[in-house]
Amino acid sequence: MQRPARSGIVTPEAVPLNVDVAGLGSRMIALIIDTVIQAGLLVLVTLAFAAAHRIVDAIPGTYAVGAVAVLVTGRSQRLGDLAAGTMVIRERKASVPVPLDLSPAGGDVDAGRMVDPVALEEQDYALVRSFLQRRASLSPPVRAHLASQVAAAIRARTGVAAREDIDDERFLEAVAVAYRDRFGPPHRGPDGRPRL
């Protein structure tokens, strides 16, 4: 084993010190101890900082300071949120779509299935579904005009030609059923009719 190196130091008070220089092992142990101490101090300071913010937010017992901070900041943040660079968000609950009963105007929906819905996107289906849900509230001329516009857009996307034996509404019903059957779970009402 090699003897550690010696070093002589003279202090400002003119006191000579002869000391052994620390080796690699001693320095690694010192580094580990320093790191643990610094990490512990960082955690303590962080916890103390968070506790101080909670105390400040809770002054006069009614969270008045925190409430004022929420009202004043653009993102409704408390002091602790501002210090941490965070914000609280609220998750909106999406409403579950109500199944749509198909009441075909000209007969059975299954007779009109001539569309392969692979070329359609979700927004196309949403457009068709929206029309089918609202059609009962539309006046007959507006209903026919809107059905014609939506059907023309869907026919252009799918490449299906218009047929005289199937009106635009029946075509849209068939598209909705075909899309649902291809991409969604099967839904049938109590009467056995397709539901969207």
Protein backbone atom coordinates (compact mmCIF):
# COMPACT_ATOMS: atom_id res chain seq x y z
CA MET A 1 0.00 0.00 0.00
CA GLN A 2 1.27 3.39 -0.96
CA ARG A 3 1.69 5.99 1.70
CA PRO A 4 -0.60 9.04 1.17
CA ALA A 5 1.02 12.21 -0.10
CA ARG A 6 1.78 14.89 2.47
CA SER A 7 1.21 18.56 2.09
CA GLY A 8 2.36 21.46 4.13
CA ILE A 9 0.12 24.45 4.57
CA VAL A 10 0.81 27.65 6.42
CA THR A 11 -2.30 29.36 7.77
CA PRO A 12 -2.76 33.16 7.73
CA GLU A 13 -1.84 33.10 11.40
CA ALA A 14 1.53 31.59 10.38
CA VAL A 15 0.76 28.17 11.79
CA PRO A 16 2.36 25.40 9.73
CA LEU A 17 0.11 22.38 9.09
CA ASN A 18 1.42 19.10 7.75
CA VAL A 19 -1.53 17.04 6.47
CA ASP A 20 -2.06 13.90 4.44
CA VAL A 21 -3.74 14.47 1.05
CA ALA A 22 -6.97 12.46 0.66
CA GLY A 23 -6.92 9.59 -1.84
CA LEU A 24 -9.48 8.66 -4.49
CA GLY A 25 -11.55 6.45 -2.14
CA SER A 26 -11.80 9.11 0.54
CA ARG A 27 -12.82 11.72 -1.99
CA MET A 28 -15.55 9.44 -3.48
CA ILE A 29 -16.99 8.82 -0.02
CA ALA A 30 -16.95 12.57 0.65
CA LEU A 31 -18.72 13.19 -2.69
CA ILE A 32 -21.46 10.67 -1.83
CA ILE A 33 -21.97 12.19 1.61
CA ASP A 34 -22.08 15.73 0.16
CA THR A 35 -24.64 14.65 -2.46
CA VAL A 36 -26.89 13.01 0.14
CA ILE A 37 -26.72 16.07 2.37
CA GLN A 38 -27.47 18.44 -0.53
CA ALA A 39 -30.39 16.30 -1.72
CA GLY A 40 -31.79 16.19 1.82
CA LEU A 41 -31.47 19.96 2.15
CA LEU A 42 -33.15 20.46 -1.22
CA VAL A 43 -36.09 18.30 -0.16
CA LEU A 44 -36.38 20.13 3.17
CA VAL A 45 -36.25 23.54 1.50
CA THR A 46 -38.86 22.46 -1.07
CA LEU A 47 -41.19 21.14 1.64
CA ALA A 48 -40.69 24.29 3.75
CA PHE A 49 -41.39 26.46 0.69
CA ALA A 50 -44.59 24.53 -0.09
CA ALA A 51 -45.70 24.69 3.55
CA ALA A 52 -45.03 28.45 3.61
CA HIS A 53 -47.20 28.92 0.52
CA ARG A 54 -49.99 26.91 2.12
CA ILE A 55 -49.77 29.01 5.24
CA VAL A 56 -49.84 32.23 3.21
CA ASP A 57 -52.77 30.91 1.14
CA ALA A 58 -54.61 30.06 4.37
CA ILE A 59 -54.17 33.42 6.12
CA PRO A 60 -57.11 34.55 7.91
CA GLY A 61 -58.31 30.92 7.89
CA THR A 62 -60.60 31.40 4.92
CA TYR A 63 -57.97 31.03 2.22
CA ALA A 64 -58.49 34.71 1.39
CA VAL A 65 -55.00 35.26 -0.05
CA GLY A 66 -55.30 32.14 -2.20
CA ALA A 67 -58.77 33.19 -3.34
CA VAL A 68 -57.54 36.65 -4.29
CA ALA A 69 -54.62 35.11 -6.19
CA VAL A 70 -57.04 32.86 -8.07
CA LEU A 71 -59.20 35.85 -8.99
CA VAL A 72 -56.28 38.06 -10.03
CA THR A 73 -54.24 35.62 -12.10
CA GLY A 74 -55.17 34.89 -15.69
CA ARG A 75 -55.10 31.12 -15.21
CA SER A 76 -56.79 31.07 -11.78
CA GLN A 77 -53.60 30.06 -9.98
CA ARG A 78 -52.88 30.16 -6.24
CA LEU A 79 -49.55 31.47 -4.97
CA GLY A 80 -48.23 27.92 -4.73
CA ASP A 81 -49.23 27.28 -8.34
CA LEU A 82 -47.46 30.46 -9.43
CA ALA A 83 -44.31 29.49 -7.55
CA ALA A 84 -44.33 25.94 -8.92
CA GLY A 85 -45.33 26.96 -12.45
CA THR A 86 -48.42 24.75 -12.35
CA MET A 87 -52.15 25.17 -12.73
CA VAL A 88 -55.18 23.14 -11.79
CA ILE A 89 -57.38 22.03 -14.65
CA ARG A 90 -60.87 20.63 -14.71
CA GLU A 91 -61.60 17.64 -16.89
CA ARG A 92 -64.85 18.00 -18.76
CA LYS A 93 -67.06 15.00 -18.94
CA ALA A 94 -68.09 14.24 -22.49
CA SER A 95 -71.75 13.57 -22.94
CA VAL A 96 -72.59 10.13 -24.19
CA PRO A 97 -74.32 10.33 -27.56
CA VAL A 98 -77.92 9.21 -27.47
CA PRO A 99 -78.57 6.33 -29.85
CA LEU A 100 -80.40 7.43 -32.97
CA ASP A 101 -83.40 5.39 -34.04
CA LEU A 102 -83.60 5.07 -37.79
CA SER A 103 -87.08 5.35 -39.13
CA PRO A 104 -86.59 4.89 -42.86
CA ALA A 105 -88.93 6.94 -44.99
CA GLY A 106 -89.02 4.51 -47.86
CA GLY A 107 -88.68 1.06 -46.33
CA ASP A 108 -86.01 -1.07 -44.72
CA VAL A 109 -82.53 0.43 -44.13
CA ASP A 110 -80.89 -2.87 -45.09
CA ALA A 111 -82.24 -2.50 -48.64
CA GLY A 112 -80.21 0.66 -49.15
CA ARG A 113 -76.79 -0.66 -48.16
CA MET A 114 -74.77 0.07 -51.23
CA VAL A 115 -71.98 2.05 -49.59
CA ASP A 116 -68.59 0.84 -48.44
CA PRO A 117 -67.80 3.33 -45.65
CA VAL A 118 -64.01 2.81 -45.77
CA ALA A 119 -63.53 6.09 -47.66
CA LEU A 120 -65.45 8.03 -44.99
CA GLU A 121 -63.84 9.78 -42.07
CA GLU A 122 -65.30 10.33 -38.63
CA GLN A 123 -66.28 13.88 -39.54
CA ASP A 124 -68.28 12.56 -42.50
CA TYR A 125 -70.17 10.19 -40.22
CA ALA A 126 -70.70 13.02 -37.72
CA LEU A 127 -72.22 15.14 -40.51
CA VAL A 128 -74.59 12.35 -41.57
CA ARG A 129 -75.52 11.58 -37.95
CA SER A 130 -76.14 15.25 -37.20
CA PHE A 131 -78.49 15.57 -40.17
CA LEU A 132 -80.38 12.39 -39.24
CA GLN A 133 -80.80 13.60 -35.65
CA ARG A 134 -82.10 17.04 -36.66
CA ARG A 135 -84.15 16.20 -39.74
CA ALA A 136 -87.46 15.91 -37.86
CA SER A 137 -87.16 19.54 -36.72
CA LEU A 138 -86.62 20.88 -40.27
CA SER A 139 -89.32 22.07 -42.63
CA PRO A 140 -89.81 19.73 -45.64
CA PRO A 141 -88.11 22.02 -48.22
CA VAL A 142 -85.13 22.73 -45.95
CA ARG A 143 -84.91 19.05 -44.99
CA ALA A 144 -84.87 17.94 -48.65
CA HIS A 145 -82.30 20.59 -49.62
CA LEU A 146 -80.00 19.76 -46.72
CA ALA A 147 -80.31 16.01 -47.34
CA SER A 148 -79.41 16.62 -50.98
CA GLN A 149 -76.29 18.63 -50.03
CA VAL A 150 -75.08 16.11 -47.44
CA ALA A 151 -75.78 13.15 -49.73
CA ALA A 152 -73.90 14.83 -52.62
CA ALA A 153 -70.85 15.35 -50.39
CA ILE A 154 -70.93 11.74 -49.18
CA ARG A 155 -71.46 10.38 -52.71
CA ALA A 156 -68.46 12.41 -53.92
CA ARG A 157 -66.30 10.96 -51.17
CA THR A 158 -67.45 7.35 -51.66
CA GLY A 159 -67.87 7.37 -55.44
CA VAL A 160 -71.46 6.09 -55.23
CA ALA A 161 -73.75 7.37 -57.98
CA ALA A 162 -77.21 8.66 -57.16
CA ARG A 163 -80.05 6.21 -57.80
CA GLU A 164 -83.63 7.15 -58.56
CA ASP A 165 -85.06 4.32 -56.43
CA ILE A 166 -83.29 5.58 -53.27
CA ASP A 167 -83.86 9.14 -52.11
CA ASP A 168 -81.19 11.18 -50.34
CA GLU A 169 -82.46 10.49 -46.82
CA ARG A 170 -82.59 6.75 -47.35
CA PHE A 171 -79.08 6.92 -48.81
CA LEU A 172 -77.84 8.79 -45.71
CA GLU A 173 -79.54 6.27 -43.43
CA ALA A 174 -77.81 3.48 -45.32
CA VAL A 175 -74.47 5.28 -45.01
CA ALA A 176 -74.95 5.70 -41.25
CA VAL A 177 -75.84 2.04 -40.76
CA ALA A 178 -72.96 0.86 -42.97
CA TYR A 179 -70.48 3.09 -41.13
CA ARG A 180 -71.73 1.98 -37.72
CA ASP A 181 -71.66 -1.69 -38.72
CA ARG A 182 -68.13 -1.39 -40.09
CA PHE A 183 -66.52 0.72 -37.36
CA GLY A 184 -68.71 0.49 -34.28
CA PRO A 185 -70.33 -2.09 -32.04
CA PRO A 186 -73.68 -3.40 -33.25
CA HIS A 187 -76.69 -1.57 -31.83
CA ARG A 188 -80.29 -2.64 -32.25
CA GLY A 189 -83.28 -1.13 -30.54
CA PRO A 190 -85.90 -3.16 -28.66
CA ASP A 191 -87.90 -3.35 -31.87
CA GLY A 192 -84.89 -4.78 -33.78
CA ARG A 193 -84.39 -1.65 -35.88
CA PRO A 194 -80.83 -0.36 -36.29
CA ARG A 195 -79.77 2.41 -33.89
CA LEU A 196 -76.90 4.79 -34.44
